[in-house]
Amino acid sequence: MQRRPKIAAALAVLLLAAGWLTAEVRTTSELTMQMREIGKELKCQCGCAYTVADCNMLYCHFRDPVNQDIEAGLKAGLDAPEIVSKLLAKYGEELRSAPKAEGFGAVGWAMPFVALALGLLAAPFVVRRWRRNQVAASPSGSAEIDPATLDALEKEIERDLAKDS
């Protein structure tokens, strides 16, 4: 009888612990989250290879003013595309972290797929050519070794084996 209250207490502790472990802890504000989402669309111009949201340079001369512009736009009630277009007008098209999906930017999106398709189309021809060259170069192909050369090589192998023993 005494075991049941102990088991129930243990289960209650486990359930509370599981609930505590799965609780969501939010340490950033909604404004900061919106700023990060917009910053992921913009390439930092400080010389790093990161976006404005991910630049980890201490006192970055580019990230900080752009983040201030993003924050000002959000506080003014602008939505993300409007803020991005204003920043592109201010800093230039090189601020984009990905090319547009229209005009010449569509080529940037399509080229990896075109290159993959061309590679898949060329692979059978390349493999067939390698196999053809490999068969022509193999000793079991059309070229034969003359018996005199074969005897000379066998004698040399026998001498080397006798020398080593």
Protein backbone atom coordinates (compact mmCIF):
# COMPACT_ATOMS: atom_id res chain seq x y z
CA MET A 1 0.00 0.00 0.00
CA GLN A 2 2.84 2.38 0.77
CA ARG A 3 4.37 1.91 -2.70
CA ARG A 4 1.48 3.50 -4.58
CA PRO A 5 1.87 7.00 -3.09
CA LYS A 6 5.63 6.86 -3.75
CA ILE A 7 5.08 5.84 -7.38
CA ALA A 8 2.43 8.54 -7.82
CA ALA A 9 4.76 11.15 -6.33
CA ALA A 10 7.61 10.01 -8.59
CA LEU A 11 5.37 10.22 -11.66
CA ALA A 12 4.20 13.69 -10.66
CA VAL A 13 7.82 14.84 -10.29
CA LEU A 14 8.68 13.33 -13.70
CA LEU A 15 5.75 15.05 -15.39
CA LEU A 16 6.67 18.39 -13.83
CA ALA A 17 10.30 17.95 -14.87
CA ALA A 18 9.28 17.05 -18.42
CA GLY A 19 7.02 20.09 -18.58
CA TRP A 20 9.79 22.31 -17.28
CA LEU A 21 12.27 20.94 -19.82
CA THR A 22 9.92 21.50 -22.74
CA ALA A 23 8.90 25.02 -21.69
CA GLU A 24 9.73 27.65 -24.27
CA VAL A 25 12.02 30.38 -23.07
CA ARG A 26 11.86 33.52 -25.15
CA THR A 27 14.71 35.91 -24.53
CA THR A 28 14.26 38.22 -27.50
CA SER A 29 11.49 40.67 -28.23
CA GLU A 30 9.18 40.50 -31.23
CA LEU A 31 10.87 43.58 -32.69
CA THR A 32 14.27 41.89 -32.54
CA MET A 33 12.88 38.79 -34.24
CA GLN A 34 11.41 40.92 -37.05
CA MET A 35 14.72 42.76 -37.42
CA ARG A 36 16.58 39.44 -37.75
CA GLU A 37 14.14 38.16 -40.39
CA ILE A 38 14.62 41.30 -42.48
CA GLY A 39 18.38 41.28 -41.88
CA LYS A 40 18.64 37.75 -43.30
CA GLU A 41 17.64 39.15 -46.69
CA LEU A 42 20.48 41.69 -46.71
CA LYS A 43 24.19 40.98 -47.23
CA CYS A 44 26.54 42.76 -44.85
CA GLN A 45 29.00 45.07 -46.63
CA CYS A 46 31.73 45.12 -43.96
CA GLY A 47 33.79 42.50 -45.77
CA CYS A 48 32.42 39.43 -44.04
CA ALA A 49 30.45 36.74 -45.85
CA TYR A 50 27.39 36.99 -43.59
CA THR A 51 24.02 38.63 -43.76
CA VAL A 52 23.20 41.70 -41.68
CA ALA A 53 21.36 39.44 -39.21
CA ASP A 54 24.32 37.05 -38.83
CA CYS A 55 27.33 39.41 -38.96
CA ASN A 56 29.36 38.79 -35.83
CA MET A 57 31.90 41.58 -36.26
CA LEU A 58 32.22 43.63 -33.09
CA TYR A 59 31.10 47.23 -33.74
CA CYS A 60 30.41 46.49 -37.42
CA HIS A 61 30.41 49.80 -39.33
CA PHE A 62 27.68 48.56 -41.69
CA ARG A 63 25.43 46.27 -39.65
CA ASP A 64 24.68 48.74 -36.88
CA PRO A 65 23.35 51.57 -39.10
CA VAL A 66 21.32 49.12 -41.21
CA ASN A 67 19.79 47.61 -38.07
CA GLN A 68 18.89 51.13 -36.93
CA ASP A 69 17.19 51.76 -40.29
CA ILE A 70 15.31 48.45 -40.03
CA GLU A 71 14.19 49.27 -36.48
CA ALA A 72 13.06 52.75 -37.50
CA GLY A 73 11.05 51.29 -40.39
CA LEU A 74 9.38 48.71 -38.15
CA LYS A 75 8.50 51.34 -35.57
CA ALA A 76 7.05 53.50 -38.36
CA GLY A 77 4.73 50.64 -39.28
CA LEU A 78 6.36 49.60 -42.56
CA ASP A 79 6.30 45.96 -43.58
CA ALA A 80 9.38 43.91 -44.56
CA PRO A 81 9.28 44.40 -48.37
CA GLU A 82 8.95 48.18 -47.94
CA ILE A 83 11.90 48.29 -45.55
CA VAL A 84 14.03 46.15 -47.87
CA SER A 85 13.20 48.29 -50.89
CA LYS A 86 14.11 51.48 -48.97
CA LEU A 87 17.43 49.95 -47.89
CA LEU A 88 18.17 48.80 -51.45
CA ALA A 89 17.48 52.33 -52.69
CA LYS A 90 19.81 53.74 -50.02
CA TYR A 91 22.70 51.22 -50.23
CA GLY A 92 22.34 49.66 -53.70
CA GLU A 93 21.42 46.31 -55.21
CA GLU A 94 24.60 44.63 -53.95
CA LEU A 95 22.89 44.57 -50.56
CA ARG A 96 20.73 41.64 -51.69
CA SER A 97 21.82 38.31 -50.21
CA ALA A 98 20.19 36.44 -53.12
CA PRO A 99 19.49 37.54 -56.69
CA LYS A 100 16.00 38.56 -57.76
CA ALA A 101 13.96 35.80 -59.37
CA GLU A 102 13.32 37.98 -62.40
CA GLY A 103 15.39 39.32 -65.31
CA PHE A 104 19.09 38.53 -65.15
CA GLY A 105 18.71 37.35 -61.53
CA ALA A 106 16.67 34.40 -62.83
CA VAL A 107 19.84 33.18 -64.53
CA GLY A 108 21.53 33.06 -61.13
CA TRP A 109 18.73 30.88 -59.80
CA ALA A 110 18.62 28.64 -62.88
CA MET A 111 22.35 28.05 -63.48
CA PRO A 112 22.90 25.39 -60.77
CA PHE A 113 20.04 23.34 -62.20
CA VAL A 114 21.26 23.79 -65.78
CA ALA A 115 24.80 22.76 -64.78
CA LEU A 116 23.46 19.68 -62.99
CA ALA A 117 21.38 18.67 -66.02
CA LEU A 118 24.33 19.12 -68.38
CA GLY A 119 26.54 17.08 -66.07
CA LEU A 120 23.98 14.27 -65.93
CA LEU A 121 23.69 14.30 -69.73
CA ALA A 122 27.48 14.28 -70.25
CA ALA A 123 28.27 11.57 -67.66
CA PRO A 124 27.32 8.53 -69.79
CA PHE A 125 29.48 9.74 -72.69
CA VAL A 126 32.47 10.34 -70.42
CA VAL A 127 32.12 6.95 -68.73
CA ARG A 128 31.79 5.20 -72.11
CA ARG A 129 34.96 6.94 -73.35
CA TRP A 130 36.91 6.00 -70.19
CA ARG A 131 35.87 2.36 -70.58
CA ARG A 132 36.87 2.34 -74.25
CA ASN A 133 40.30 3.79 -73.40
CA GLN A 134 40.74 1.34 -70.53
CA VAL A 135 40.00 -1.71 -72.75
CA ALA A 136 42.43 -0.49 -75.41
CA ALA A 137 45.19 0.01 -72.85
CA SER A 138 44.73 -3.32 -71.03
CA PRO A 139 47.16 -6.22 -71.75
CA SER A 140 44.25 -8.61 -72.27
CA GLY A 141 43.04 -6.44 -75.15
CA SER A 142 44.20 -6.73 -78.75
CA ALA A 143 47.93 -6.18 -77.99
CA GLU A 144 49.83 -9.37 -77.04
CA ILE A 145 53.24 -9.78 -75.38
CA ASP A 146 55.69 -11.74 -77.49
CA PRO A 147 56.92 -15.03 -75.92
CA ALA A 148 60.61 -13.98 -75.86
CA THR A 149 59.83 -10.89 -73.74
CA LEU A 150 57.61 -12.97 -71.48
CA ASP A 151 60.40 -15.55 -70.92
CA ALA A 152 62.89 -12.77 -70.16
CA LEU A 153 60.57 -11.23 -67.59
CA GLU A 154 59.88 -14.60 -65.92
CA LYS A 155 63.65 -15.30 -65.65
CA GLU A 156 64.23 -11.88 -64.11
CA ILE A 157 61.47 -12.52 -61.54
CA GLU A 158 63.01 -15.90 -60.68
CA ARG A 159 66.45 -14.27 -60.17
CA ASP A 160 65.00 -11.58 -57.93
CA LEU A 161 63.14 -14.19 -55.84
CA ALA A 162 66.30 -16.35 -55.52
CA LYS A 163 68.32 -13.30 -54.50
CA ASP A 164 65.89 -12.38 -51.72
CA SER A 165 65.83 -15.86 -50.16
